[in-house]
PDB file of N, CA and C in Angstrom:
ATOM      1  N   MET A   1      79.196  92.806 149.896  1.00  0.00           N
ATOM      2  CA  MET A   1      79.388  91.760 150.051  1.00  0.00           C
ATOM      3  C   MET A   1      79.623  90.476 151.231  1.00  0.00           C
ATOM      4  N   GLU A   2      80.659  91.533 152.086  1.00  0.00           N
ATOM      5  CA  GLU A   2      81.547  90.462 153.297  1.00  0.00           C
ATOM      6  C   GLU A   2      80.193  90.673 154.017  1.00  0.00           C
ATOM      7  N   GLY A   3      79.499  91.304 154.135  1.00  0.00           N
ATOM      8  CA  GLY A   3      78.315  90.745 154.745  1.00  0.00           C
ATOM      9  C   GLY A   3      77.615  89.280 155.196  1.00  0.00           C
ATOM     10  N   VAL A   4      77.596  89.382 153.567  1.00  0.00           N
ATOM     11  CA  VAL A   4      76.592  87.977 152.827  1.00  0.00           C
ATOM     12  C   VAL A   4      77.374  86.958 153.630  1.00  0.00           C
ATOM     13  N   ILE A   5      78.725  87.071 153.365  1.00  0.00           N
ATOM     14  CA  ILE A   5      79.880  85.865 152.896  1.00  0.00           C
ATOM     15  C   ILE A   5      79.813  85.832 154.574  1.00  0.00           C
ATOM     16  N   ARG A   6      79.572  86.778 155.583  1.00  0.00           N
ATOM     17  CA  ARG A   6      79.814  86.586 156.883  1.00  0.00           C
ATOM     18  C   ARG A   6      78.805  86.136 157.555  1.00  0.00           C
ATOM     19  N   LYS A   7      77.672  86.527 157.387  1.00  0.00           N
ATOM     20  CA  LYS A   7      76.712  85.325 157.626  1.00  0.00           C
ATOM     21  C   LYS A   7      76.361  84.465 157.531  1.00  0.00           C
ATOM     22  N   ALA A   8      76.752  83.876 156.336  1.00  0.00           N
ATOM     23  CA  ALA A   8      76.868  82.287 155.781  1.00  0.00           C
ATOM     24  C   ALA A   8      77.731  81.528 156.461  1.00  0.00           C
ATOM     25  N   ILE A   9      78.836  82.351 156.659  1.00  0.00           N
ATOM     26  CA  ILE A   9      79.928  81.487 157.839  1.00  0.00           C
ATOM     27  C   ILE A   9      79.741  81.081 158.966  1.00  0.00           C
ATOM     28  N   LEU A  10      79.174  82.531 159.488  1.00  0.00           N
ATOM     29  CA  LEU A  10      78.370  82.422 161.143  1.00  0.00           C
ATOM     30  C   LEU A  10      77.514  81.226 161.462  1.00  0.00           C
ATOM     31  N   LYS A  11      76.870  80.703 160.451  1.00  0.00           N
ATOM     32  CA  LYS A  11      75.696  79.723 160.716  1.00  0.00           C
ATOM     33  C   LYS A  11      76.944  78.261 161.141  1.00  0.00           C
ATOM     34  N   THR A  12      76.382  77.178 161.771  1.00  0.00           N
ATOM     35  CA  THR A  12      77.036  76.240 162.361  1.00  0.00           C
ATOM     36  C   THR A  12      76.403  75.318 161.304  1.00  0.00           C
ATOM     37  N   PRO A  13      77.930  75.068 160.660  1.00  0.00           N
ATOM     38  CA  PRO A  13      77.613  73.523 160.009  1.00  0.00           C
ATOM     39  C   PRO A  13      76.979  72.311 160.418  1.00  0.00           C
ATOM     40  N   ALA A  14      76.443  71.123 160.037  1.00  0.00           N
ATOM     41  CA  ALA A  14      76.076  69.888 160.450  1.00  0.00           C
ATOM     42  C   ALA A  14      77.111  69.088 160.852  1.00  0.00           C
ATOM     43  N   GLU A  15      78.221  69.393 160.292  1.00  0.00           N
ATOM     44  CA  GLU A  15      79.305  68.494 160.629  1.00  0.00           C
ATOM     45  C   GLU A  15      80.351  69.069 161.687  1.00  0.00           C
ATOM     46  N   GLU A  16      81.392  68.363 161.885  1.00  0.00           N
ATOM     47  CA  GLU A  16      82.179  69.017 162.834  1.00  0.00           C
ATOM     48  C   GLU A  16      83.410  70.652 162.186  1.00  0.00           C
ATOM     49  N   PRO A  17      83.020  71.479 162.761  1.00  0.00           N
ATOM     50  CA  PRO A  17      83.630  72.703 162.421  1.00  0.00           C
ATOM     51  C   PRO A  17      85.350  72.850 162.383  1.00  0.00           C
ATOM     52  N   ASP A  18      85.985  73.038 161.578  1.00  0.00           N
ATOM     53  CA  ASP A  18      87.487  73.287 161.470  1.00  0.00           C
ATOM     54  C   ASP A  18      88.231  74.603 161.821  1.00  0.00           C
ATOM     55  N   GLU A  19      89.156  74.594 162.700  1.00  0.00           N
ATOM     56  CA  GLU A  19      89.641  75.498 163.240  1.00  0.00           C
ATOM     57  C   GLU A  19      89.760  76.853 162.251  1.00  0.00           C
ATOM     58  N   LEU A  20      89.801  77.024 161.126  1.00  0.00           N
ATOM     59  CA  LEU A  20      90.140  77.767 160.549  1.00  0.00           C
ATOM     60  C   LEU A  20      88.025  79.019 160.446  1.00  0.00           C
ATOM     61  N   LEU A  21      87.590  77.793 160.144  1.00  0.00           N
ATOM     62  CA  LEU A  21      85.817  78.321 160.106  1.00  0.00           C
ATOM     63  C   LEU A  21      85.840  78.670 161.473  1.00  0.00           C
ATOM     64  N   THR A  22      86.377  77.935 162.873  1.00  0.00           N
ATOM     65  CA  THR A  22      85.827  78.283 163.899  1.00  0.00           C
ATOM     66  C   THR A  22      86.912  80.137 164.496  1.00  0.00           C
ATOM     67  N   ALA A  23      87.909  80.165 163.862  1.00  0.00           N
ATOM     68  CA  ALA A  23      88.531  81.494 163.978  1.00  0.00           C
ATOM     69  C   ALA A  23      87.548  82.554 163.162  1.00  0.00           C
ATOM     70  N   ILE A  24      86.997  82.055 161.883  1.00  0.00           N
ATOM     71  CA  ILE A  24      87.017  83.409 160.829  1.00  0.00           C
ATOM     72  C   ILE A  24      85.163  83.706 162.402  1.00  0.00           C
ATOM     73  N   ARG A  25      84.604  82.718 162.879  1.00  0.00           N
ATOM     74  CA  ARG A  25      83.255  83.153 163.280  1.00  0.00           C
ATOM     75  C   ARG A  25      83.696  83.811 164.515  1.00  0.00           C
ATOM     76  N   ASP A  26      84.691  83.189 165.058  1.00  0.00           N
ATOM     77  CA  ASP A  26      85.273  83.703 166.657  1.00  0.00           C
ATOM     78  C   ASP A  26      85.661  85.985 165.768  1.00  0.00           C
ATOM     79  N   VAL A  27      85.995  86.147 165.008  1.00  0.00           N
ATOM     80  CA  VAL A  27      86.601  87.392 164.553  1.00  0.00           C
ATOM     81  C   VAL A  27      85.115  88.478 164.173  1.00  0.00           C
ATOM     82  N   CYS A  28      84.364  86.950 163.336  1.00  0.00           N
ATOM     83  CA  CYS A  28      83.044  88.021 162.942  1.00  0.00           C
ATOM     84  C   CYS A  28      82.211  88.516 164.468  1.00  0.00           C
ATOM     85  N   ALA A  29      82.432  87.536 165.195  1.00  0.00           N
ATOM     86  CA  ALA A  29      81.201  87.945 166.377  1.00  0.00           C
ATOM     87  C   ALA A  29      82.251  88.809 167.194  1.00  0.00           C
ATOM     88  N   ARG A  30      83.476  88.860 166.985  1.00  0.00           N
ATOM     89  CA  ARG A  30      84.061  90.397 167.895  1.00  0.00           C
ATOM     90  C   ARG A  30      84.162  91.688 167.242  1.00  0.00           C
ATOM     91  N   ILE A  31      83.991  91.319 165.728  1.00  0.00           N
ATOM     92  CA  ILE A  31      83.453  92.636 164.786  1.00  0.00           C
ATOM     93  C   ILE A  31      82.411  93.198 165.571  1.00  0.00           C
ATOM     94  N   ASP A  32      81.257  92.502 165.455  1.00  0.00           N
ATOM     95  CA  ASP A  32      79.908  92.551 166.053  1.00  0.00           C
ATOM     96  C   ASP A  32      79.113  93.476 166.820  1.00  0.00           C
ATOM     97  N   ASN A  33      80.755  92.818 168.278  1.00  0.00           N
ATOM     98  CA  ASN A  33      80.564  93.307 169.468  1.00  0.00           C
ATOM     99  C   ASN A  33      81.023  94.084 169.413  1.00  0.00           C
ATOM    100  N   VAL A  34      82.234  94.841 168.816  1.00  0.00           N
ATOM    101  CA  VAL A  34      82.745  96.038 168.509  1.00  0.00           C
ATOM    102  C   VAL A  34      82.040  97.326 167.814  1.00  0.00           C
ATOM    103  N   ASN A  35      81.341  96.889 166.757  1.00  0.00           N
ATOM    104  CA  ASN A  35      80.171  97.601 166.216  1.00  0.00           C
ATOM    105  C   ASN A  35      79.234  98.270 167.397  1.00  0.00           C
ATOM    106  N   ALA A  36      78.786  97.107 168.068  1.00  0.00           N
ATOM    107  CA  ALA A  36      77.739  97.602 169.246  1.00  0.00           C
ATOM    108  C   ALA A  36      77.895  98.502 170.436  1.00  0.00           C
ATOM    109  N   ARG A  37      79.441  98.180 170.539  1.00  0.00           N
ATOM    110  CA  ARG A  37      79.875  99.340 171.427  1.00  0.00           C
ATOM    111  C   ARG A  37      80.171 100.021 170.740  1.00  0.00           C
ATOM    112  N   PHE A  38      81.170 100.836 169.759  1.00  0.00           N
ATOM    113  CA  PHE A  38      80.987 101.897 169.405  1.00  0.00           C
ATOM    114  C   PHE A  38      80.008 102.664 168.904  1.00  0.00           C
ATOM    115  N   SER A  39      78.739 101.878 168.541  1.00  0.00           N
ATOM    116  CA  SER A  39      77.557 102.797 168.428  1.00  0.00           C
ATOM    117  C   SER A  39      76.971 103.321 170.146  1.00  0.00           C
ATOM    118  N   MET A  40      77.735 102.751 171.153  1.00  0.00           N
ATOM    119  CA  MET A  40      76.936 103.041 172.520  1.00  0.00           C
ATOM    120  C   MET A  40      78.099 103.843 173.274  1.00  0.00           C
ATOM    121  N   GLU A  41      78.857 104.959 172.129  1.00  0.00           N
ATOM    122  CA  GLU A  41      80.016 105.739 173.527  1.00  0.00           C
ATOM    123  C   GLU A  41      79.509 107.117 173.208  1.00  0.00           C
ATOM    124  N   SER A  42      79.805 107.392 173.989  1.00  0.00           N
ATOM    125  CA  SER A  42      80.324 108.675 173.691  1.00  0.00           C
ATOM    126  C   SER A  42      81.219 109.811 173.697  1.00  0.00           C
ATOM    127  N   ASP A  43      82.002 108.817 174.795  1.00  0.00           N
ATOM    128  CA  ASP A  43      83.281 109.899 175.561  1.00  0.00           C
ATOM    129  C   ASP A  43      84.115 109.413 173.853  1.00  0.00           C
ATOM    130  N   GLY A  44      85.096 110.397 173.803  1.00  0.00           N
ATOM    131  CA  GLY A  44      86.049 110.616 172.160  1.00  0.00           C
ATOM    132  C   GLY A  44      87.239 109.268 172.644  1.00  0.00           C
ATOM    133  N   ASP A  45      87.757 109.662 173.767  1.00  0.00           N
ATOM    134  CA  ASP A  45      89.216 108.164 173.702  1.00  0.00           C
ATOM    135  C   ASP A  45      88.292 106.798 173.605  1.00  0.00           C
ATOM    136  N   MET A  46      87.318 106.194 173.797  1.00  0.00           N
ATOM    137  CA  MET A  46      86.788 105.323 173.606  1.00  0.00           C
ATOM    138  C   MET A  46      86.428 105.502 171.973  1.00  0.00           C
ATOM    139  N   ILE A  47      85.634 106.045 171.844  1.00  0.00           N
ATOM    140  CA  ILE A  47      85.332 106.178 170.742  1.00  0.00           C
ATOM    141  C   ILE A  47      86.785 105.784 169.597  1.00  0.00           C
ATOM    142  N   GLU A  48      87.026 105.746 169.983  1.00  0.00           N
ATOM    143  CA  GLU A  48      88.974 106.080 169.633  1.00  0.00           C
ATOM    144  C   GLU A  48      89.588 104.550 169.460  1.00  0.00           C
ATOM    145  N   ALA A  49      89.669 103.829 169.980  1.00  0.00           N
ATOM    146  CA  ALA A  49      89.935 103.177 170.957  1.00  0.00           C
ATOM    147  C   ALA A  49      88.885 101.851 169.880  1.00  0.00           C
ATOM    148  N   CYS A  50      87.669 101.884 169.907  1.00  0.00           N
ATOM    149  CA  CYS A  50      87.084 100.975 169.133  1.00  0.00           C
ATOM    150  C   CYS A  50      86.841 100.898 167.535  1.00  0.00           C
ATOM    151  N   ILE A  51      86.916 102.121 167.121  1.00  0.00           N
ATOM    152  CA  ILE A  51      87.953 102.293 166.169  1.00  0.00           C
ATOM    153  C   ILE A  51      89.196 101.648 165.702  1.00  0.00           C
ATOM    154  N   TYR A  52      90.271 101.861 166.516  1.00  0.00           N
ATOM    155  CA  TYR A  52      91.307 101.085 166.433  1.00  0.00           C
ATOM    156  C   TYR A  52      90.844  99.592 166.345  1.00  0.00           C
ATOM    157  N   GLU A  53      90.446  98.810 167.535  1.00  0.00           N
ATOM    158  CA  GLU A  53      90.148  97.755 168.152  1.00  0.00           C
ATOM    159  C   GLU A  53      89.203  96.721 166.717  1.00  0.00           C
ATOM    160  N   LEU A  54      88.528  97.985 165.635  1.00  0.00           N
ATOM    161  CA  LEU A  54      87.460  97.522 164.493  1.00  0.00           C
ATOM    162  C   LEU A  54      88.745  97.002 163.525  1.00  0.00           C
ATOM    163  N   GLU A  55      89.054  98.085 163.003  1.00  0.00           N
ATOM    164  CA  GLU A  55      90.336  98.078 162.075  1.00  0.00           C
ATOM    165  C   GLU A  55      91.406  96.721 162.345  1.00  0.00           C
ATOM    166  N   SER A  56      92.132  96.293 163.510  1.00  0.00           N
ATOM    167  CA  SER A  56      92.768  95.374 163.200  1.00  0.00           C
ATOM    168  C   SER A  56      91.770  93.959 163.613  1.00  0.00           C
ATOM    169  N   LEU A  57      90.342  94.379 164.486  1.00  0.00           N
ATOM    170  CA  LEU A  57      89.961  93.011 163.914  1.00  0.00           C
ATOM    171  C   LEU A  57      89.109  92.818 162.048  1.00  0.00           C
ATOM    172  N   ARG A  58      89.042  93.697 161.450  1.00  0.00           N
ATOM    173  CA  ARG A  58      89.033  93.843 159.998  1.00  0.00           C
ATOM    174  C   ARG A  58      90.664  93.096 159.277  1.00  0.00           C
ATOM    175  N   ALA A  59      91.523  93.255 159.797  1.00  0.00           N
ATOM    176  CA  ALA A  59      92.695  93.680 159.165  1.00  0.00           C
ATOM    177  C   ALA A  59      93.294  91.674 159.695  1.00  0.00           C
ATOM    178  N   HIS A  60      92.537  90.928 160.686  1.00  0.00           N
ATOM    179  CA  HIS A  60      92.255  89.905 161.152  1.00  0.00           C
ATOM    180  C   HIS A  60      91.660  89.545 160.074  1.00  0.00           C
ATOM    181  N   TYR A  61      90.312  89.716 160.188  1.00  0.00           N
ATOM    182  CA  TYR A  61      89.501  88.861 159.383  1.00  0.00           C
ATOM    183  C   TYR A  61      89.658  88.543 157.315  1.00  0.00           C
ATOM    184  N   ARG A  62      90.541  89.549 157.373  1.00  0.00           N
ATOM    185  CA  ARG A  62      90.922  89.869 155.955  1.00  0.00           C
ATOM    186  C   ARG A  62      92.420  88.700 155.677  1.00  0.00           C
ATOM    187  N   TYR A  63      92.979  88.606 156.756  1.00  0.00           N
ATOM    188  CA  TYR A  63      94.336  87.713 156.834  1.00  0.00           C
ATOM    189  C   TYR A  63      93.389  86.171 157.029  1.00  0.00           C
ATOM    190  N   LEU A  64      92.532  85.930 157.898  1.00  0.00           N
ATOM    191  CA  LEU A  64      91.765  84.730 157.697  1.00  0.00           C
ATOM    192  C   LEU A  64      91.137  84.268 156.069  1.00  0.00           C
ATOM    193  N   LEU A  65      90.572  85.181 155.860  1.00  0.00           N
ATOM    194  CA  LEU A  65      90.129  84.669 154.433  1.00  0.00           C
ATOM    195  C   LEU A  65      91.123  84.593 153.395  1.00  0.00           C
ATOM    196  N   ARG A  66      91.816  85.664 153.469  1.00  0.00           N
ATOM    197  CA  ARG A  66      93.017  84.568 152.552  1.00  0.00           C
ATOM    198  C   ARG A  66      93.413  83.138 152.280  1.00  0.00           C
ATOM    199  N   ARG A  67      93.267  82.954 153.993  1.00  0.00           N
ATOM    200  CA  ARG A  67      94.131  81.657 154.332  1.00  0.00           C
ATOM    201  C   ARG A  67      92.812  80.612 153.580  1.00  0.00           C
ATOM    202  N   ALA A  68      91.131  81.207 154.213  1.00  0.00           N
ATOM    203  CA  ALA A  68      90.519  80.101 153.590  1.00  0.00           C
ATOM    204  C   ALA A  68      90.256  79.820 152.347  1.00  0.00           C
ATOM    205  N   LYS A  69      90.741  80.973 151.364  1.00  0.00           N
ATOM    206  CA  LYS A  69      90.873  80.898 149.833  1.00  0.00           C
ATOM    207  C   LYS A  69      91.648  80.560 149.443  1.00  0.00           C
ATOM    208  N   SER A  70      92.760  79.956 150.441  1.00  0.00           N
ATOM    209  CA  SER A  70      93.893  78.717 149.783  1.00  0.00           C
ATOM    210  C   SER A  70      93.898  77.963 149.540  1.00  0.00           C
ATOM    211  N   ARG A  71      92.838  77.100 150.701  1.00  0.00           N
ATOM    212  CA  ARG A  71      92.625  76.502 151.332  1.00  0.00           C
ATOM    213  C   ARG A  71      91.477  76.069 150.249  1.00  0.00           C
ATOM    214  N   GLY A  72      90.938  76.664 149.647  1.00  0.00           N
ATOM    215  CA  GLY A  72      89.420  76.526 148.607  1.00  0.00           C
ATOM    216  C   GLY A  72      88.254  76.062 149.242  1.00  0.00           C
ATOM    217  N   LEU A  73      88.033  76.791 151.010  1.00  0.00           N
ATOM    218  CA  LEU A  73      86.965  76.785 151.161  1.00  0.00           C
ATOM    219  C   LEU A  73      86.241  77.631 150.464  1.00  0.00           C
ATOM    220  N   THR A  74      84.555  77.244 150.222  1.00  0.00           N
ATOM    221  CA  THR A  74      83.820  78.031 149.811  1.00  0.00           C
ATOM    222  C   THR A  74      82.704  78.157 151.090  1.00  0.00           C
ATOM    223  N   ALA A  75      81.636  79.453 150.905  1.00  0.00           N
ATOM    224  CA  ALA A  75      80.829  79.755 152.224  1.00  0.00           C
ATOM    225  C   ALA A  75      79.099  78.569 151.243  1.00  0.00           C
ATOM    226  N   ALA A  76      79.587  78.393 150.048  1.00  0.00           N
ATOM    227  CA  ALA A  76      78.504  77.442 149.403  1.00  0.00           C
ATOM    228  C   ALA A  76      77.952  76.289 150.417  1.00  0.00           C
ATOM    229  N   ARG A  77      79.092  75.588 151.349  1.00  0.00           N
ATOM    230  CA  ARG A  77      78.428  74.182 152.588  1.00  0.00           C
ATOM    231  C   ARG A  77      77.513  74.979 152.982  1.00  0.00           C
ATOM    232  N   TYR A  78      77.536  76.064 153.146  1.00  0.00           N
ATOM    233  CA  TYR A  78      76.986  76.476 154.696  1.00  0.00           C
ATOM    234  C   TYR A  78      75.435  77.018 154.039  1.00  0.00           C
ATOM    235  N   PRO A  79      74.242  77.167 154.842  1.00  0.00           N
ATOM    236  CA  PRO A  79      73.156  77.360 154.414  1.00  0.00           C
ATOM    237  C   PRO A  79      73.211  78.715 154.390  1.00  0.00           C
ATOM    238  N   LEU A  80      72.529  79.418 153.518  1.00  0.00           N
ATOM    239  CA  LEU A  80      72.691  80.736 152.946  1.00  0.00           C
ATOM    240  C   LEU A  80      71.579  81.208 154.207  1.00  0.00           C
ATOM    241  N   PRO A  81      71.825  82.734 154.881  1.00  0.00           N
ATOM    242  CA  PRO A  81      70.451  83.350 155.778  1.00  0.00           C
ATOM    243  C   PRO A  81      69.110  83.572 154.739  1.00  0.00           C
ATOM    244  N   GLU A  82      68.347  83.838 155.461  1.00  0.00           N
ATOM    245  CA  GLU A  82      67.131  84.474 154.382  1.00  0.00           C
ATOM    246  C   GLU A  82      67.128  85.573 153.506  1.00  0.00           C
ATOM    247  N   GLY A  83      66.691  85.301 152.281  1.00  0.00           N
ATOM    248  CA  GLY A  83      67.014  86.502 151.700  1.00  0.00           C
ATOM    249  C   GLY A  83      67.927  87.080 150.848  1.00  0.00           C
ATOM    250  N   VAL A  84      69.034  86.104 150.751  1.00  0.00           N
ATOM    251  CA  VAL A  84      70.332  85.848 149.767  1.00  0.00           C
ATOM    252  C   VAL A  84      69.938  85.114 148.323  1.00  0.00           C
ATOM    253  N   PRO A  85      70.396  85.931 147.274  1.00  0.00           N
ATOM    254  CA  PRO A  85      69.761  85.089 146.363  1.00  0.00           C
ATOM    255  C   PRO A  85      71.001  84.164 145.841  1.00  0.00           C
ATOM    256  N   GLU A  86      70.381  83.165 145.478  1.00  0.00           N
ATOM    257  CA  GLU A  86      70.914  81.930 145.511  1.00  0.00           C
ATOM    258  C   GLU A  86      72.462  81.613 144.703  1.00  0.00           C
ATOM    259  N   GLY A  87      72.566  82.668 143.537  1.00  0.00           N
ATOM    260  CA  GLY A  87      74.027  83.108 143.080  1.00  0.00           C
ATOM    261  C   GLY A  87      75.290  83.186 144.204  1.00  0.00           C
ATOM    262  N   MET A  88      74.718  84.328 145.041  1.00  0.00           N
ATOM    263  CA  MET A  88      75.604  83.655 146.091  1.00  0.00           C
ATOM    264  C   MET A  88      76.877  82.940 146.347  1.00  0.00           C
ATOM    265  N   ALA A  89      75.333  81.827 146.598  1.00  0.00           N
ATOM    266  CA  ALA A  89      75.913  80.741 147.316  1.00  0.00           C
ATOM    267  C   ALA A  89      77.290  80.131 146.155  1.00  0.00           C
ATOM    268  N   GLU A  90      77.721  80.622 144.943  1.00  0.00           N
ATOM    269  CA  GLU A  90      79.024  80.705 144.595  1.00  0.00           C
ATOM    270  C   GLU A  90      80.351  81.251 144.731  1.00  0.00           C
ATOM    271  N   GLU A  91      80.172  82.475 145.720  1.00  0.00           N
ATOM    272  CA  GLU A  91      81.232  83.277 145.864  1.00  0.00           C
ATOM    273  C   GLU A  91      82.241  82.889 146.650  1.00  0.00           C
ATOM    274  N   SER A  92      83.157  82.868 147.120  1.00  0.00           N
ATOM    275  CA  SER A  92      84.052  82.143 147.674  1.00  0.00           C
ATOM    276  C   SER A  92      84.179  83.283 149.091  1.00  0.00           C
ATOM    277  N   VAL A  93      84.616  82.281 149.901  1.00  0.00           N
ATOM    278  CA  VAL A  93      84.909  82.731 151.197  1.00  0.00           C
ATOM    279  C   VAL A  93      85.842  83.905 150.824  1.00  0.00           C
TER     280      VAL A  93
END
């Protein structure tokens, strides 16, 4: 579920993005970057560093989602990625 919401948030809205959504998009992009690095690493220390960085970014992402929920933001304002059922649009960020 988290991936679907993240993809919906990563889409750029037609209107001016607000700071919180920009921060969420940034964290999502950074998570994707760390996942890509993690899959290419072979050194144990670098793998461990990627794991810690990923856990830190996930904690930050959860924090931003809590803030977005408290403000009543939803992913429904943004176009859903292809292949996502319409009912998913009702989910909160």
